[in-house]
Amino acid sequence: MARKCTDVLSELGIPYDVEVASAHRTPDRVRDLAARDDVDVFIAIAGLSAALPGVLAAHTARPVIGVPVSGRVNMDAILSMVQMPGGVPVGVVGLDRGDNAALLAASILSLSDESLKKRLAEYREKMAKKVFEDSEIVKKEIKRDGAGGPGPGEG
């Protein structure tokens, strides 16, 4: 998950720092990380009881994005993040979606950074182009295999 996240942040030219902490085993470290002045958005990746994003959010007013990690009981990680009490919000992306957490952080940061806003738009254009390319590949494979029925407007 962290690699998915850092790959997107790097591609968008967003500086980041990676730290490992545990809400339960290193609570003082989590509090100290939340107090850092050089962080605009936190991305907290956690599994099992997944308390890290919530504990981090309890110690900062900055945005916290939670990434639940899949495991034996996925719902525990998801619910630990989405069921936060009023006043302590955590933005949550899908299971194992560190890439989406990075994109959400980029969207937040782009509100005050026109250059990042442009890079984010270019990133989305690149994703859309890939979908169209994949569509053409699938169409060719189906035609090659003879499994295609009439196309749009042909039936």
Protein backbone atom coordinates (compact mmCIF):
# COMPACT_ATOMS: atom_id res chain seq x y z
CA MET A 1 0.00 0.00 0.00
CA ALA A 2 2.73 2.46 0.86
CA ARG A 3 4.45 1.83 -2.48
CA LYS A 4 1.20 2.48 -4.39
CA CYS A 5 0.90 5.74 -2.52
CA THR A 6 4.49 6.92 -2.88
CA ASP A 7 4.58 6.01 -6.58
CA VAL A 8 1.65 8.36 -7.30
CA LEU A 9 3.03 11.11 -5.06
CA SER A 10 6.38 10.87 -6.84
CA GLU A 11 4.77 10.93 -10.28
CA LEU A 12 2.87 14.08 -9.33
CA GLY A 13 5.99 15.71 -7.88
CA ILE A 14 4.62 15.88 -4.35
CA PRO A 15 7.25 15.65 -1.61
CA TYR A 16 6.51 13.12 1.11
CA ASP A 17 7.98 11.43 4.12
CA VAL A 18 7.29 7.86 5.24
CA GLU A 19 7.15 6.94 8.92
CA VAL A 20 6.06 3.75 10.66
CA ALA A 21 4.04 4.09 13.84
CA SER A 22 1.42 2.19 15.79
CA ALA A 23 -1.58 3.76 17.49
CA HIS A 24 -1.33 1.19 20.27
CA ARG A 25 2.37 0.35 20.54
CA THR A 26 3.84 3.82 19.90
CA PRO A 27 1.11 6.33 20.84
CA ASP A 28 3.61 9.04 21.79
CA ARG A 29 5.24 8.74 18.37
CA VAL A 30 1.83 9.13 16.68
CA ARG A 31 1.15 12.25 18.76
CA ASP A 32 4.58 13.66 17.85
CA LEU A 33 4.02 12.97 14.14
CA ALA A 34 0.63 14.73 14.30
CA ALA A 35 2.33 17.79 15.76
CA ARG A 36 4.79 18.20 12.87
CA ASP A 37 4.56 21.62 11.23
CA ASP A 38 5.86 20.44 7.85
CA VAL A 39 2.89 18.17 7.00
CA ASP A 40 -0.16 19.43 5.11
CA VAL A 41 -2.01 16.11 4.71
CA PHE A 42 -1.51 12.80 6.49
CA ILE A 43 -2.04 9.42 4.85
CA ALA A 44 -2.33 6.67 7.44
CA ILE A 45 -2.25 3.05 6.29
CA ALA A 46 -3.49 0.50 8.81
CA GLY A 47 -4.96 -2.96 9.13
CA LEU A 48 -6.55 -5.09 11.82
CA SER A 49 -8.17 -2.69 14.29
CA ALA A 50 -6.85 0.15 12.07
CA ALA A 51 -6.88 2.79 14.80
CA LEU A 52 -3.91 4.74 13.42
CA PRO A 53 -5.84 7.22 11.23
CA GLY A 54 -8.31 7.99 14.01
CA VAL A 55 -5.66 8.49 16.66
CA LEU A 56 -3.71 10.69 14.28
CA ALA A 57 -6.86 12.71 13.53
CA ALA A 58 -7.47 13.13 17.27
CA HIS A 59 -4.14 14.97 17.53
CA THR A 60 -4.33 17.26 14.47
CA ALA A 61 -6.72 19.51 12.58
CA ARG A 62 -4.96 18.71 9.31
CA PRO A 63 -6.64 16.33 6.84
CA VAL A 64 -6.08 12.64 7.57
CA ILE A 65 -6.71 10.07 4.86
CA GLY A 66 -7.04 6.47 6.00
CA VAL A 67 -6.16 3.45 3.88
CA PRO A 68 -7.60 0.22 5.29
CA VAL A 69 -5.42 -2.81 4.63
CA SER A 70 -7.10 -6.05 3.62
CA GLY A 71 -6.66 -9.06 5.84
CA ARG A 72 -8.63 -11.87 7.38
CA VAL A 73 -11.39 -9.54 8.59
CA ASN A 74 -11.53 -6.62 6.15
CA MET A 75 -14.58 -5.01 7.76
CA ASP A 76 -12.68 -4.35 11.00
CA ALA A 77 -10.19 -2.10 9.21
CA ILE A 78 -12.88 -0.38 7.14
CA LEU A 79 -15.25 0.27 10.04
CA SER A 80 -12.45 1.48 12.32
CA MET A 81 -11.88 4.30 9.84
CA VAL A 82 -15.32 5.18 8.53
CA GLN A 83 -17.14 5.02 11.87
CA MET A 84 -15.25 7.87 13.52
CA PRO A 85 -17.09 9.91 16.15
CA GLY A 86 -18.33 13.37 15.29
CA GLY A 87 -15.62 16.00 15.35
CA VAL A 88 -12.75 13.66 14.47
CA PRO A 89 -13.06 13.05 10.72
CA VAL A 90 -10.93 10.69 8.68
CA GLY A 91 -11.26 10.58 4.91
CA VAL A 92 -11.17 6.92 3.86
CA VAL A 93 -10.37 5.28 0.54
CA GLY A 94 -10.97 1.67 -0.46
CA LEU A 95 -9.12 -1.39 0.78
CA ASP A 96 -5.46 -1.32 -0.21
CA ARG A 97 -5.96 1.85 -2.31
CA GLY A 98 -2.85 3.78 -1.37
CA ASP A 99 -2.91 5.16 -4.90
CA ASN A 100 -6.33 6.72 -4.32
CA ALA A 101 -5.14 8.15 -1.01
CA ALA A 102 -2.30 9.87 -2.84
CA LEU A 103 -4.72 11.23 -5.44
CA LEU A 104 -7.07 12.50 -2.74
CA ALA A 105 -4.16 14.18 -0.97
CA ALA A 106 -3.11 15.71 -4.31
CA SER A 107 -6.63 17.05 -4.82
CA ILE A 108 -6.57 18.67 -1.39
CA LEU A 109 -3.13 20.17 -1.96
CA SER A 110 -4.07 21.38 -5.44
CA LEU A 111 -6.59 23.80 -3.92
CA SER A 112 -3.69 26.11 -3.17
CA ASP A 113 -1.21 25.00 -5.86
CA GLU A 114 -2.02 25.75 -9.50
CA SER A 115 0.98 23.80 -10.77
CA LEU A 116 -0.16 20.68 -8.92
CA LYS A 117 -3.70 21.21 -10.19
CA LYS A 118 -2.31 21.07 -13.75
CA ARG A 119 -0.22 17.95 -13.04
CA LEU A 120 -3.25 16.25 -11.50
CA ALA A 121 -5.34 17.06 -14.59
CA GLU A 122 -2.59 15.63 -16.82
CA TYR A 123 -2.46 12.48 -14.67
CA ARG A 124 -6.22 12.00 -15.09
CA GLU A 125 -5.94 12.56 -18.85
CA LYS A 126 -3.25 9.86 -18.97
CA MET A 127 -5.55 7.47 -17.08
CA ALA A 128 -8.40 8.18 -19.51
CA LYS A 129 -6.12 7.61 -22.50
CA LYS A 130 -5.12 4.22 -21.05
CA VAL A 131 -8.82 3.22 -20.82
CA PHE A 132 -9.35 4.06 -24.50
CA GLU A 133 -6.20 2.13 -25.46
CA ASP A 134 -7.37 -0.88 -23.42
CA SER A 135 -10.77 -0.67 -25.12
CA GLU A 136 -9.18 -0.91 -28.56
CA ILE A 137 -7.08 -3.91 -27.48
CA VAL A 138 -10.16 -5.74 -26.16
CA LYS A 139 -12.13 -4.99 -29.34
CA LYS A 140 -9.31 -6.37 -31.52
CA GLU A 141 -8.99 -9.51 -29.39
CA ILE A 142 -12.71 -10.19 -29.59
CA LYS A 143 -12.80 -9.69 -33.36
CA ARG A 144 -9.72 -11.92 -33.75
CA ASP A 145 -11.40 -14.65 -31.71
CA GLY A 146 -14.60 -14.31 -33.75
CA ALA A 147 -16.66 -13.88 -30.61
CA GLY A 148 -18.13 -10.47 -31.39
CA GLY A 149 -21.74 -9.82 -32.27
CA PRO A 150 -22.93 -6.76 -34.07
CA GLY A 151 -21.38 -3.51 -32.90
CA PRO A 152 -23.32 -0.40 -31.93
CA GLY A 153 -25.67 0.60 -34.74
CA GLU A 154 -25.04 -2.67 -36.61
CA GLY A 155 -27.88 -4.73 -35.18
